[in-house]
Protein backbone atom coordinates (compact mmCIF):
# COMPACT_ATOMS: atom_id res chain seq x y z
CA UNK A 1 0.00 0.00 0.00
CA UNK A 2 1.42 3.38 -1.00
CA UNK A 3 2.35 5.75 1.84
CA UNK A 4 0.46 8.99 1.16
CA UNK A 5 1.46 10.74 4.39
CA UNK A 6 3.43 13.91 3.84
CA UNK A 7 6.75 14.40 5.62
CA UNK A 8 9.14 17.23 6.43
CA UNK A 9 11.77 17.78 3.73
CA UNK A 10 14.82 20.04 3.56
CA UNK A 11 12.73 22.54 1.60
CA UNK A 12 10.58 23.13 4.69
CA UNK A 13 13.55 24.90 6.28
CA UNK A 14 14.98 26.67 3.25
CA UNK A 15 12.96 29.88 3.11
CA UNK A 16 10.63 30.52 0.19
CA UNK A 17 7.16 29.17 -0.54
CA UNK A 18 7.48 25.73 1.09
CA UNK A 19 8.73 27.05 4.42
CA UNK A 20 6.19 29.87 4.51
CA UNK A 21 3.41 27.36 3.85
CA UNK A 22 4.65 25.20 6.73
CA UNK A 23 4.59 28.18 9.08
CA UNK A 24 1.21 29.47 7.96
CA UNK A 25 -0.59 26.11 7.70
CA UNK A 26 0.84 24.36 10.75
CA UNK A 27 2.72 26.58 13.21
CA UNK A 28 0.28 29.50 13.19
CA UNK A 29 -2.56 27.00 13.60
CA UNK A 30 -1.39 26.36 17.16
CA UNK A 31 0.62 29.45 18.16
CA UNK A 32 0.10 33.19 17.97
CA UNK A 33 -2.97 35.18 18.89
CA UNK A 34 -1.24 37.17 21.63
CA UNK A 35 -2.39 40.74 22.14
CA UNK A 36 0.98 42.35 21.41
CA UNK A 37 2.05 45.14 19.09
CA UNK A 38 3.83 42.94 16.52
CA UNK A 39 2.62 39.34 17.06
CA UNK A 40 3.83 36.02 15.68
CA UNK A 41 1.26 36.00 12.89
CA UNK A 42 2.69 39.25 11.47
CA UNK A 43 5.68 37.07 10.42
CA UNK A 44 8.08 39.98 10.73
CA UNK A 45 11.72 39.45 11.70
CA UNK A 46 10.94 39.74 15.43
CA UNK A 47 8.02 40.25 17.82
CA UNK A 48 7.25 43.41 19.79
CA UNK A 49 5.86 43.23 23.31
CA UNK A 50 5.40 46.73 24.69
CA UNK A 51 8.66 48.48 23.84
CA UNK A 52 10.67 45.25 23.99
CA UNK A 53 11.62 43.41 20.78
CA UNK A 54 12.05 39.65 21.17
CA UNK A 55 13.65 37.17 18.76
CA UNK A 56 14.81 33.55 18.77
CA UNK A 57 16.76 31.87 15.98
CA UNK A 58 18.30 28.41 15.58
CA UNK A 59 21.32 27.71 13.37
CA UNK A 60 22.35 24.33 11.93
CA UNK A 61 24.76 25.23 9.13
CA UNK A 62 26.75 22.50 7.39
CA UNK A 63 29.72 22.55 7.73
CA UNK A 64 30.11 24.45 10.99
CA UNK A 65 33.22 26.24 9.64
CA UNK A 66 33.12 27.83 6.19
CA UNK A 67 35.07 30.53 4.30
CA UNK A 68 34.57 33.82 6.13
CA UNK A 69 32.70 32.49 9.16
CA UNK A 70 31.40 29.71 11.37
CA UNK A 71 28.23 28.63 13.12
CA UNK A 72 28.98 30.76 16.19
CA UNK A 73 29.38 34.03 14.28
CA UNK A 74 26.35 33.12 12.21
CA UNK A 75 24.14 32.46 15.25
CA UNK A 76 24.94 35.72 17.03
CA UNK A 77 24.72 37.82 13.85
CA UNK A 78 21.42 36.28 12.79
CA UNK A 79 19.58 37.16 15.99
CA UNK A 80 21.21 40.58 16.36
CA UNK A 81 20.30 41.51 12.79
CA UNK A 82 16.69 40.33 13.09
CA UNK A 83 16.25 42.57 16.14
CA UNK A 84 17.97 45.52 14.49
CA UNK A 85 15.99 45.49 11.23
CA UNK A 86 12.73 46.02 13.09
CA UNK A 87 14.20 49.20 14.56
CA UNK A 88 15.44 48.09 17.99
CA UNK A 89 18.84 47.95 19.64
CA UNK A 90 19.76 44.42 20.83
CA UNK A 91 21.22 44.34 24.33
CA UNK A 92 21.00 40.83 25.82
CA UNK A 93 21.20 37.34 24.33
CA UNK A 94 20.54 33.80 25.56
CA UNK A 95 22.42 30.87 24.05
CA UNK A 96 21.29 27.25 23.71
CA UNK A 97 24.03 24.82 22.66
CA UNK A 98 23.27 21.30 21.42
CA UNK A 99 26.62 19.57 21.01
CA UNK A 100 27.25 16.31 19.21
CA UNK A 101 29.30 13.63 20.93
CA UNK A 102 32.76 13.64 19.34
CA UNK A 103 32.92 17.39 18.64
CA UNK A 104 36.52 18.46 19.17
CA UNK A 105 37.02 20.68 22.22
CA UNK A 106 39.43 22.71 20.10
CA UNK A 107 36.64 23.35 17.59
CA UNK A 108 34.16 24.04 20.40
CA UNK A 109 36.43 26.69 21.90
CA UNK A 110 37.01 28.17 18.45
CA UNK A 111 33.23 28.59 18.06
CA UNK A 112 32.90 30.18 21.51
CA UNK A 113 35.75 32.61 20.77
CA UNK A 114 34.06 33.57 17.50
CA UNK A 115 30.78 34.18 19.30
CA UNK A 116 32.55 36.36 21.86
CA UNK A 117 34.20 38.42 19.11
CA UNK A 118 30.90 38.87 17.28
CA UNK A 119 29.15 39.95 20.48
CA UNK A 120 31.88 42.57 20.99
CA UNK A 121 31.34 43.91 17.45
CA UNK A 122 27.62 44.18 18.16
CA UNK A 123 28.07 45.62 21.69
CA UNK A 124 25.85 42.90 23.13
CA UNK A 125 26.34 40.15 25.71
CA UNK A 126 25.23 36.54 26.16
CA UNK A 127 23.76 36.53 29.68
CA UNK A 128 22.17 33.09 30.05
CA UNK A 129 21.72 29.77 28.24
CA UNK A 130 21.76 26.00 28.30
CA UNK A 131 23.93 23.14 27.01
CA UNK A 132 22.94 19.65 25.87
CA UNK A 133 24.91 16.77 24.30
CA UNK A 134 23.43 14.23 21.87
CA UNK A 135 24.73 11.02 20.32
CA UNK A 136 27.36 11.06 17.59
CA UNK A 137 26.22 11.29 13.99
CA UNK A 138 22.98 13.26 14.27
CA UNK A 139 23.95 16.96 14.05
CA UNK A 140 27.10 17.42 12.03
CA UNK A 141 28.84 19.00 15.00
CA UNK A 142 26.42 21.27 16.85
CA UNK A 143 23.26 23.34 16.68
CA UNK A 144 23.06 26.79 18.30
CA UNK A 145 19.95 28.70 19.30
CA UNK A 146 20.30 32.38 20.14
CA UNK A 147 17.41 34.34 21.64
CA UNK A 148 17.64 38.06 22.22
CA UNK A 149 15.84 41.14 23.41
CA UNK A 150 16.11 44.66 22.07
CA UNK A 151 14.79 48.02 23.16
CA UNK A 152 13.45 51.18 21.64
CA UNK A 153 16.03 53.95 21.29
CA UNK A 154 16.21 57.62 20.37
CA UNK A 155 17.42 56.50 16.93
CA UNK A 156 14.07 54.73 16.41
CA UNK A 157 12.20 57.92 17.32
CA UNK A 158 14.35 60.10 15.08
CA UNK A 159 13.76 57.77 12.14
CA UNK A 160 9.98 57.85 12.59
CA UNK A 161 9.99 61.65 12.89
CA UNK A 162 11.78 61.92 9.54
CA UNK A 163 9.31 59.54 7.86
CA UNK A 164 6.36 61.64 9.05
CA UNK A 165 7.86 64.72 7.38
CA UNK A 166 7.15 63.05 4.04
CA UNK A 167 4.20 60.77 4.86
CA UNK A 168 1.52 62.46 6.95
CA UNK A 169 -0.51 59.26 7.26
CA UNK A 170 2.39 57.20 8.64
CA UNK A 171 1.57 55.87 12.12
CA UNK A 172 3.67 52.71 12.55
CA UNK A 173 5.95 52.64 15.61
CA UNK A 174 8.39 50.09 14.21
CA UNK A 175 10.12 49.28 10.93
CA UNK A 176 7.80 46.67 9.43
CA UNK A 177 7.46 44.95 6.06
CA UNK A 178 3.97 46.43 5.68
CA UNK A 179 5.23 50.04 5.89
CA UNK A 180 6.28 50.42 2.25
CA UNK A 181 4.61 53.23 0.34
CA UNK A 182 4.47 54.17 -3.34
CA UNK A 183 7.63 56.00 -4.39
CA UNK A 184 9.86 54.53 -1.67
CA UNK A 185 13.27 53.48 -2.94
CA UNK A 186 14.67 49.97 -2.47
CA UNK A 187 18.33 49.78 -1.42
CA UNK A 188 20.58 46.78 -0.87
CA UNK A 189 23.66 47.26 1.30
CA UNK A 190 26.04 45.16 -0.79
CA UNK A 191 26.72 42.26 -3.11
CA UNK A 192 24.33 39.32 -3.05
CA UNK A 193 24.89 35.57 -2.81
CA UNK A 194 28.31 35.63 -1.13
CA UNK A 195 27.29 33.65 1.97
CA UNK A 196 25.39 30.91 0.14
CA UNK A 197 28.19 30.33 -2.35
CA UNK A 198 30.82 30.27 0.43
CA UNK A 199 28.88 27.62 2.35
CA UNK A 200 28.27 25.62 -0.84
CA UNK A 201 31.98 25.67 -1.62
CA UNK A 202 32.68 24.22 1.84
CA UNK A 203 29.91 21.62 1.53
CA UNK A 204 30.97 20.33 -1.85
CA UNK A 205 34.70 21.09 -1.89
CA UNK A 206 34.27 23.47 -4.82
CA UNK A 207 36.80 26.12 -5.77
CA UNK A 208 35.60 29.26 -7.49
CA UNK A 209 39.01 30.79 -8.22
CA UNK A 210 38.90 34.12 -6.40
CA UNK A 211 37.95 32.77 -2.98
CA UNK A 212 34.35 33.72 -2.27
CA UNK A 213 33.78 34.29 1.45
CA UNK A 214 30.68 34.64 3.58
CA UNK A 215 29.49 38.16 4.37
CA UNK A 216 28.27 37.12 7.85
CA UNK A 217 28.43 39.99 10.34
CA UNK A 218 26.30 41.89 12.88
CA UNK A 219 24.72 44.97 11.32
CA UNK A 220 23.06 46.68 14.29
CA UNK A 221 25.70 49.38 14.69
CA UNK A 222 25.38 50.33 11.00
CA UNK A 223 21.57 50.25 11.20
CA UNK A 224 21.59 52.50 14.28
CA UNK A 225 23.64 55.05 12.34
CA UNK A 226 21.18 54.97 9.43
CA UNK A 227 18.22 55.60 11.72
CA UNK A 228 19.95 58.20 13.88
CA UNK A 229 21.93 60.20 11.34
CA UNK A 230 19.64 60.06 8.27
CA UNK A 231 16.24 58.48 8.98
CA UNK A 232 13.44 57.83 6.54
CA UNK A 233 13.84 54.03 6.66
CA UNK A 234 10.34 52.53 6.51
CA UNK A 235 11.15 48.82 6.05
CA UNK A 236 14.20 46.58 6.47
CA UNK A 237 15.05 42.91 6.08
CA UNK A 238 18.19 40.80 6.10
CA UNK A 239 17.82 38.66 2.94
CA UNK A 240 18.83 35.31 4.43
CA UNK A 241 17.17 32.05 3.26
CA UNK A 242 15.51 32.65 -0.10
CA UNK A 243 17.72 35.66 -0.74
CA UNK A 244 16.66 39.00 -2.20
CA UNK A 245 13.78 37.42 -4.14
CA UNK A 246 12.11 36.14 -0.96
CA UNK A 247 12.74 39.37 0.97
CA UNK A 248 11.22 41.58 -1.73
CA UNK A 249 8.19 39.33 -2.10
CA UNK A 250 7.60 39.56 1.65
CA UNK A 251 7.75 43.36 1.38
CA UNK A 252 5.30 43.29 -1.50
CA UNK A 253 2.82 40.84 0.01
CA UNK A 254 2.63 42.55 3.40
CA UNK A 255 2.48 46.11 2.07
CA UNK A 256 0.14 45.33 -0.82
CA UNK A 257 2.45 47.26 -3.17
CA UNK A 258 4.46 46.37 -6.25
CA UNK A 259 8.24 46.58 -6.44
CA UNK A 260 10.21 47.21 -9.64
CA UNK A 261 13.97 46.64 -9.53
CA UNK A 262 16.60 47.36 -12.18
CA UNK A 263 18.75 44.39 -13.23
CA UNK A 264 21.81 46.54 -13.92
CA UNK A 265 21.68 48.04 -10.44
CA UNK A 266 21.62 44.79 -8.42
CA UNK A 267 25.16 44.34 -7.00
CA UNK A 268 26.54 40.84 -7.58
CA UNK A 269 30.23 39.94 -7.58
CA UNK A 270 31.44 38.74 -10.96
CA UNK A 271 32.78 35.48 -9.51
CA UNK A 272 29.50 34.84 -7.69
CA UNK A 273 27.55 35.48 -10.89
CA UNK A 274 29.85 33.13 -12.84
CA UNK A 275 29.61 30.41 -10.18
CA UNK A 276 25.81 30.68 -10.13
CA UNK A 277 25.66 30.35 -13.91
CA UNK A 278 27.89 27.26 -13.78
CA UNK A 279 25.72 25.65 -11.09
CA UNK A 280 22.33 26.69 -12.45
CA UNK A 281 21.57 28.96 -9.47
CA UNK A 282 19.82 32.34 -9.36
CA UNK A 283 21.89 34.72 -7.18
CA UNK A 284 18.68 36.57 -6.26
CA UNK A 285 17.51 33.41 -4.48
CA UNK A 286 20.77 32.64 -2.66
CA UNK A 287 20.94 33.49 1.05
CA UNK A 288 23.01 36.27 2.61
CA UNK A 289 24.01 36.88 6.24
CA UNK A 290 25.62 40.31 6.23
CA UNK A 291 23.39 42.39 3.99
CA UNK A 292 20.21 44.42 4.48
CA UNK A 293 17.44 45.39 2.09
CA UNK A 294 15.86 48.73 2.89
CA UNK A 295 12.74 50.61 1.87
CA UNK A 296 13.49 54.34 2.22
CA UNK A 297 11.39 57.44 1.54
CA UNK A 298 12.53 58.86 -1.78
CA UNK A 299 13.79 62.16 -0.32
CA UNK A 300 16.27 60.35 1.95
CA UNK A 301 17.42 57.53 -0.34
CA UNK A 302 20.56 59.21 -1.69
CA UNK A 303 21.69 60.20 1.81
CA UNK A 304 21.16 56.65 3.07
CA UNK A 305 23.14 55.34 0.11
CA UNK A 306 25.97 57.79 0.75
CA UNK A 307 26.25 56.76 4.40
CA UNK A 308 26.25 53.08 3.45
CA UNK A 309 28.95 53.54 0.83
CA UNK A 310 31.16 55.20 3.43
CA UNK A 311 31.28 52.01 5.52
CA UNK A 312 33.05 48.69 5.00
CA UNK A 313 29.74 46.82 5.31
CA UNK A 314 27.98 48.99 2.73
CA UNK A 315 30.64 50.06 0.24
CA UNK A 316 28.88 48.19 -2.59
CA UNK A 317 25.39 49.43 -1.74
CA UNK A 318 23.03 50.43 -4.53
CA UNK A 319 19.54 51.84 -5.04
CA UNK A 320 18.05 48.98 -7.04
CA UNK A 321 14.42 50.00 -7.53
CA UNK A 322 11.28 51.55 -6.14
CA UNK A 323 7.79 50.82 -4.88
CA UNK A 324 4.89 51.22 -7.31
CA UNK A 325 1.11 50.88 -7.48
CA UNK A 326 1.16 49.92 -11.18
CA UNK A 327 1.16 46.20 -10.38
CA UNK A 328 1.35 43.74 -7.49
CA UNK A 329 4.33 41.54 -6.73
CA UNK A 330 7.97 41.99 -7.73
CA UNK A 331 9.34 42.57 -11.23
CA UNK A 332 12.75 43.33 -12.70
CA UNK A 333 13.49 45.66 -15.60
CA UNK A 334 16.05 43.65 -17.58
CA UNK A 335 19.08 45.04 -19.37
CA UNK A 336 17.74 43.75 -22.71
CA UNK A 337 14.37 45.45 -22.28
CA UNK A 338 11.06 44.22 -20.91
CA UNK A 339 10.17 43.09 -17.43
CA UNK A 340 10.72 39.78 -15.67
CA UNK A 341 8.62 38.56 -12.75
CA UNK A 342 10.65 37.83 -9.62
CA UNK A 343 8.57 35.19 -7.87
CA UNK A 344 9.02 33.95 -4.31
CA UNK A 345 11.44 31.00 -4.59
CA UNK A 346 10.38 27.48 -3.62
CA UNK A 347 13.30 27.49 -1.16
CA UNK A 348 16.95 28.42 -0.90
CA UNK A 349 18.77 26.28 -3.49
CA UNK A 350 21.64 25.54 -1.10
CA UNK A 351 20.73 23.34 1.90
CA UNK A 352 21.69 24.19 5.47
CA UNK A 353 23.32 27.57 4.95
CA UNK A 354 22.18 28.87 8.34
């Protein structure tokens, strides 16, 4: 008799349509419903309870060390960035470690040292946590869960004040996917696909010539500068699993607006583009861990871009498009003319990148 029962697959954890369907059809069926400002069912990067932003993220990258980073740096950066992109300043983290029997203590200490360094970069501390050990052969080394809390700051208030100068009807208190308005500019802070290709190279032993490395880093200090010194940022996301394509489709779906991007403005390293072409991958669907996608009021977009370009994390930033009411969804103006639909990907094409 044929087994018709559905099962979890790797696609259920890879961002994109399959993962979103799992969350919406199963997880939200049993959780959510809390009377908080930004609840679980909003499916934003973090939740807001009062003026406290709360986030939890689990990382199971394979391998645990890859060009440009490791699972420890990834875990801290991921939670810090998810708190920062909603407009809060992270200030305390909790760490859950699930270690596999046989993990080298040298490697374990290397991961802890990397986490400590990343926390220092982000000006945040791990203040509590838990450790478990499981049998050999089930994890690929370890799994790390980082939970964190963030708080409202004067930078948040300054940013909202600037937005209201240009949008009288704006009343959101946080930087949410649904905030996008017609005319807002879309900015990416740097080249896309670096992290996914770096992890793939480590997984498969591939060499891409120029040494592609992960972009993984905490971005909260940079984000605080954008909000405090310039303002006008209405929406932000870190384009992790599912890449830019998934992030832009989330913006579009939650705001009810269309987004048109320009192909020749999307920053992609030449070696990443070449590697993607060789492997049949779309760099717009490959995950990143040290980039942000921003929706910015048009009047402030050039100033935001200038600030980004003056930093090491944003030197390759570009304004890649704008928000429109001419259509729904996401489209790209191609270099050969015409428009191409950028659909939400089924999932990230590279398994276990975060």
